[in-house]
Amino acid sequence: MIICRVIGDVVSTIKNKEFTGKKIMIVQPLDLEDKAEGDAFLALDSVQAGVGDRVLVMREGGSARIVFDNNNIPVQAVITAIIDGIDLKSD
């Protein structure tokens, strides 16, 4: 799983029928200091996330399809949680 921030959404009037009723979001991976790390990518939302939310993203197609209980959905990444906070313990 990857920590990301939702930076936008995708509006599409014509899309795969399996995406009907689902939001496609643009997410930016973050490091543990909340700084952008790597390239942004698309993720299907399963938790009603919004722009600006810090989220947990599962980026593996097979596991992503389990979240939607649909083996036919063509998805590689899915938003699985909205993060309220992260506690890092230092030694």
N, C-alpha and C. Protein backbone atom coordinates (compact mmCIF):
# COMPACT_ATOMS: atom_id res chain seq x y z
N MET A 1 0.83 -1.18 0.00
CA MET A 1 0.00 0.00 0.00
C MET A 1 0.88 1.25 0.00
N ILE A 2 0.32 2.33 -0.52
CA ILE A 2 1.06 3.57 -0.71
C ILE A 2 0.28 4.72 -0.08
N ILE A 3 0.99 5.61 0.61
CA ILE A 3 0.38 6.84 1.11
C ILE A 3 0.38 7.85 -0.03
N CYS A 4 -0.77 8.47 -0.28
CA CYS A 4 -0.90 9.43 -1.37
C CYS A 4 -1.79 10.60 -0.94
N ARG A 5 -1.77 11.65 -1.77
CA ARG A 5 -2.71 12.75 -1.61
C ARG A 5 -3.53 12.83 -2.90
N VAL A 6 -4.84 13.00 -2.74
CA VAL A 6 -5.71 13.18 -3.90
C VAL A 6 -5.49 14.60 -4.42
N ILE A 7 -5.08 14.70 -5.69
CA ILE A 7 -4.79 16.01 -6.27
C ILE A 7 -5.77 16.40 -7.38
N GLY A 8 -6.68 15.52 -7.71
CA GLY A 8 -7.65 15.84 -8.74
C GLY A 8 -8.58 14.67 -9.03
N ASP A 9 -9.52 14.90 -9.90
CA ASP A 9 -10.39 13.81 -10.31
C ASP A 9 -10.54 13.82 -11.82
N VAL A 10 -11.06 12.74 -12.34
CA VAL A 10 -11.24 12.58 -13.79
C VAL A 10 -12.73 12.49 -14.06
N VAL A 11 -13.21 13.32 -14.97
CA VAL A 11 -14.60 13.28 -15.38
C VAL A 11 -14.68 12.61 -16.74
N SER A 12 -15.52 11.60 -16.85
CA SER A 12 -15.61 10.86 -18.10
C SER A 12 -17.07 10.49 -18.36
N THR A 13 -17.61 10.95 -19.47
CA THR A 13 -19.00 10.61 -19.79
C THR A 13 -19.10 9.23 -20.45
N ILE A 14 -18.02 8.81 -21.10
CA ILE A 14 -18.00 7.48 -21.71
C ILE A 14 -16.88 6.70 -21.06
N LYS A 15 -17.21 5.56 -20.46
CA LYS A 15 -16.20 4.76 -19.77
C LYS A 15 -16.63 3.31 -19.72
N ASN A 16 -15.73 2.47 -19.31
CA ASN A 16 -16.02 1.05 -19.13
C ASN A 16 -17.23 0.90 -18.21
N LYS A 17 -18.14 0.01 -18.55
CA LYS A 17 -19.37 -0.15 -17.76
C LYS A 17 -19.09 -0.51 -16.30
N GLU A 18 -17.95 -1.15 -16.03
CA GLU A 18 -17.61 -1.53 -14.66
C GLU A 18 -17.29 -0.31 -13.78
N PHE A 19 -17.03 0.85 -14.42
CA PHE A 19 -16.72 2.08 -13.67
C PHE A 19 -17.96 2.90 -13.35
N THR A 20 -19.12 2.48 -13.82
CA THR A 20 -20.35 3.23 -13.58
C THR A 20 -20.56 3.41 -12.08
N GLY A 21 -20.77 4.67 -11.69
CA GLY A 21 -21.01 4.98 -10.28
C GLY A 21 -19.76 5.08 -9.43
N LYS A 22 -18.59 4.98 -10.04
CA LYS A 22 -17.32 5.04 -9.30
C LYS A 22 -16.53 6.27 -9.73
N LYS A 23 -15.77 6.85 -8.77
CA LYS A 23 -14.96 8.03 -9.07
C LYS A 23 -13.53 7.61 -9.40
N ILE A 24 -12.98 8.24 -10.42
CA ILE A 24 -11.58 8.06 -10.78
C ILE A 24 -10.83 9.29 -10.27
N MET A 25 -9.85 9.06 -9.40
CA MET A 25 -9.12 10.16 -8.76
C MET A 25 -7.66 10.15 -9.23
N ILE A 26 -7.05 11.34 -9.22
CA ILE A 26 -5.61 11.47 -9.49
C ILE A 26 -4.92 11.56 -8.14
N VAL A 27 -3.97 10.67 -7.89
CA VAL A 27 -3.29 10.64 -6.59
C VAL A 27 -1.79 10.82 -6.78
N GLN A 28 -1.18 11.51 -5.81
CA GLN A 28 0.26 11.77 -5.80
C GLN A 28 0.88 11.01 -4.63
N PRO A 29 1.78 10.06 -4.89
CA PRO A 29 2.46 9.37 -3.78
C PRO A 29 3.22 10.37 -2.90
N LEU A 30 3.27 10.07 -1.60
CA LEU A 30 3.96 10.91 -0.64
C LEU A 30 5.00 10.10 0.13
N ASP A 31 6.05 10.79 0.59
CA ASP A 31 6.98 10.13 1.50
C ASP A 31 6.46 10.32 2.92
N LEU A 32 7.18 9.83 3.92
CA LEU A 32 6.71 9.90 5.30
C LEU A 32 6.76 11.31 5.87
N GLU A 33 7.36 12.24 5.14
CA GLU A 33 7.37 13.65 5.55
C GLU A 33 6.31 14.46 4.80
N ASP A 34 5.41 13.76 4.13
CA ASP A 34 4.29 14.37 3.41
C ASP A 34 4.72 15.14 2.17
N LYS A 35 5.86 14.78 1.60
CA LYS A 35 6.35 15.43 0.38
C LYS A 35 6.10 14.51 -0.81
N ALA A 36 5.79 15.14 -1.96
CA ALA A 36 5.54 14.37 -3.19
C ALA A 36 6.74 13.49 -3.52
N GLU A 37 6.43 12.27 -3.95
CA GLU A 37 7.48 11.30 -4.28
C GLU A 37 7.02 10.48 -5.47
N GLY A 38 7.68 10.63 -6.60
CA GLY A 38 7.31 9.87 -7.79
C GLY A 38 6.19 10.53 -8.58
N ASP A 39 5.69 9.80 -9.55
CA ASP A 39 4.68 10.32 -10.47
C ASP A 39 3.27 10.08 -9.96
N ALA A 40 2.38 11.02 -10.24
CA ALA A 40 0.97 10.85 -9.93
C ALA A 40 0.38 9.76 -10.82
N PHE A 41 -0.70 9.14 -10.37
CA PHE A 41 -1.37 8.10 -11.14
C PHE A 41 -2.86 8.10 -10.82
N LEU A 42 -3.61 7.31 -11.56
CA LEU A 42 -5.06 7.22 -11.36
C LEU A 42 -5.40 6.08 -10.41
N ALA A 43 -6.41 6.31 -9.57
CA ALA A 43 -6.89 5.28 -8.66
C ALA A 43 -8.41 5.38 -8.57
N LEU A 44 -9.06 4.25 -8.49
CA LEU A 44 -10.51 4.20 -8.34
C LEU A 44 -10.84 4.36 -6.85
N ASP A 45 -11.79 5.23 -6.55
CA ASP A 45 -12.13 5.53 -5.16
C ASP A 45 -13.14 4.54 -4.60
N SER A 46 -12.88 4.04 -3.39
CA SER A 46 -13.84 3.14 -2.73
C SER A 46 -14.30 3.70 -1.39
N VAL A 47 -13.84 4.93 -1.02
CA VAL A 47 -14.13 5.46 0.32
C VAL A 47 -14.65 6.90 0.32
N GLN A 48 -15.05 7.42 -0.84
CA GLN A 48 -15.56 8.79 -0.95
C GLN A 48 -14.51 9.84 -0.59
N ALA A 49 -13.28 9.63 -1.06
CA ALA A 49 -12.19 10.58 -0.85
C ALA A 49 -12.42 11.82 -1.70
N GLY A 50 -11.79 12.91 -1.30
CA GLY A 50 -11.90 14.15 -2.06
C GLY A 50 -10.54 14.77 -2.28
N VAL A 51 -10.50 15.76 -3.14
CA VAL A 51 -9.25 16.47 -3.43
C VAL A 51 -8.70 17.05 -2.13
N GLY A 52 -7.40 16.82 -1.90
CA GLY A 52 -6.74 17.29 -0.69
C GLY A 52 -6.61 16.23 0.38
N ASP A 53 -7.42 15.18 0.31
CA ASP A 53 -7.34 14.11 1.32
C ASP A 53 -6.05 13.32 1.18
N ARG A 54 -5.48 12.94 2.31
CA ARG A 54 -4.36 11.99 2.32
C ARG A 54 -5.00 10.61 2.43
N VAL A 55 -4.60 9.71 1.55
CA VAL A 55 -5.28 8.41 1.43
C VAL A 55 -4.28 7.26 1.38
N LEU A 56 -4.80 6.08 1.61
CA LEU A 56 -4.04 4.85 1.46
C LEU A 56 -4.49 4.20 0.16
N VAL A 57 -3.53 3.88 -0.71
CA VAL A 57 -3.85 3.32 -2.02
C VAL A 57 -3.23 1.94 -2.16
N MET A 58 -4.05 1.00 -2.60
CA MET A 58 -3.58 -0.33 -2.93
C MET A 58 -3.28 -0.32 -4.43
N ARG A 59 -2.04 -0.59 -4.78
CA ARG A 59 -1.65 -0.50 -6.20
C ARG A 59 -1.25 -1.89 -6.71
N GLU A 60 -2.21 -2.75 -6.80
CA GLU A 60 -2.02 -4.10 -7.31
C GLU A 60 -3.37 -4.59 -7.79
N GLY A 61 -3.47 -4.84 -9.07
CA GLY A 61 -4.75 -5.14 -9.70
C GLY A 61 -5.59 -6.21 -9.05
N GLY A 62 -4.99 -7.35 -8.74
CA GLY A 62 -5.76 -8.45 -8.15
C GLY A 62 -6.38 -8.06 -6.82
N SER A 63 -5.60 -7.44 -5.97
CA SER A 63 -6.12 -6.99 -4.67
C SER A 63 -7.13 -5.88 -4.85
N ALA A 64 -6.89 -5.00 -5.79
CA ALA A 64 -7.84 -3.90 -6.04
C ALA A 64 -9.20 -4.45 -6.46
N ARG A 65 -9.21 -5.48 -7.27
CA ARG A 65 -10.48 -6.06 -7.71
C ARG A 65 -11.23 -6.70 -6.54
N ILE A 66 -10.52 -7.21 -5.55
CA ILE A 66 -11.16 -7.80 -4.37
C ILE A 66 -11.96 -6.74 -3.62
N VAL A 67 -11.42 -5.53 -3.54
CA VAL A 67 -12.11 -4.44 -2.83
C VAL A 67 -13.49 -4.22 -3.44
N PHE A 68 -13.61 -4.29 -4.75
CA PHE A 68 -14.89 -4.07 -5.43
C PHE A 68 -15.66 -5.37 -5.64
N ASP A 69 -15.09 -6.50 -5.20
CA ASP A 69 -15.73 -7.81 -5.36
C ASP A 69 -16.18 -8.01 -6.81
N ASN A 70 -15.23 -7.73 -7.73
CA ASN A 70 -15.56 -7.78 -9.15
C ASN A 70 -14.30 -8.16 -9.93
N ASN A 71 -14.25 -9.37 -10.43
CA ASN A 71 -13.09 -9.82 -11.20
C ASN A 71 -13.03 -9.22 -12.60
N ASN A 72 -14.09 -8.57 -13.04
CA ASN A 72 -14.13 -8.01 -14.39
C ASN A 72 -13.71 -6.54 -14.44
N ILE A 73 -13.56 -5.90 -13.30
CA ILE A 73 -13.25 -4.47 -13.29
C ILE A 73 -11.79 -4.25 -13.67
N PRO A 74 -11.54 -3.43 -14.69
CA PRO A 74 -10.17 -3.21 -15.16
C PRO A 74 -9.48 -2.11 -14.34
N VAL A 75 -9.00 -2.48 -13.16
CA VAL A 75 -8.42 -1.50 -12.25
C VAL A 75 -7.07 -1.98 -11.75
N GLN A 76 -6.14 -1.06 -11.62
CA GLN A 76 -4.82 -1.37 -11.09
C GLN A 76 -4.63 -0.80 -9.70
N ALA A 77 -5.28 0.33 -9.40
CA ALA A 77 -5.08 0.99 -8.12
C ALA A 77 -6.43 1.43 -7.55
N VAL A 78 -6.58 1.30 -6.22
CA VAL A 78 -7.83 1.67 -5.56
C VAL A 78 -7.52 2.39 -4.25
N ILE A 79 -8.27 3.45 -3.98
CA ILE A 79 -8.16 4.16 -2.71
C ILE A 79 -8.95 3.35 -1.69
N THR A 80 -8.27 2.92 -0.62
CA THR A 80 -8.90 2.04 0.36
C THR A 80 -9.15 2.69 1.71
N ALA A 81 -8.56 3.87 1.97
CA ALA A 81 -8.76 4.53 3.26
C ALA A 81 -8.42 6.01 3.15
N ILE A 82 -9.10 6.81 3.96
CA ILE A 82 -8.73 8.21 4.15
C ILE A 82 -7.94 8.24 5.45
N ILE A 83 -6.72 8.79 5.39
CA ILE A 83 -5.82 8.77 6.55
C ILE A 83 -6.12 9.97 7.45
N ASP A 84 -6.40 9.69 8.73
CA ASP A 84 -6.62 10.75 9.72
C ASP A 84 -5.31 11.22 10.31
N GLY A 85 -4.36 10.32 10.47
CA GLY A 85 -3.07 10.69 11.05
C GLY A 85 -2.09 9.53 10.96
N ILE A 86 -0.83 9.86 11.07
CA ILE A 86 0.24 8.86 11.04
C ILE A 86 1.15 9.14 12.23
N ASP A 87 1.41 8.14 13.06
CA ASP A 87 2.31 8.26 14.19
C ASP A 87 3.57 7.47 13.91
N LEU A 88 4.70 8.14 13.88
CA LEU A 88 5.98 7.47 13.69
C LEU A 88 6.73 7.49 15.02
N LYS A 89 7.12 6.35 15.48
CA LYS A 89 7.86 6.24 16.75
C LYS A 89 9.34 6.33 16.45
N SER A 90 10.05 7.22 17.14
CA SER A 90 11.49 7.33 16.95
C SER A 90 12.19 6.63 18.11
N ASP A 91 13.41 6.14 17.85
CA ASP A 91 14.16 5.45 18.88
C ASP A 91 14.93 6.42 19.76
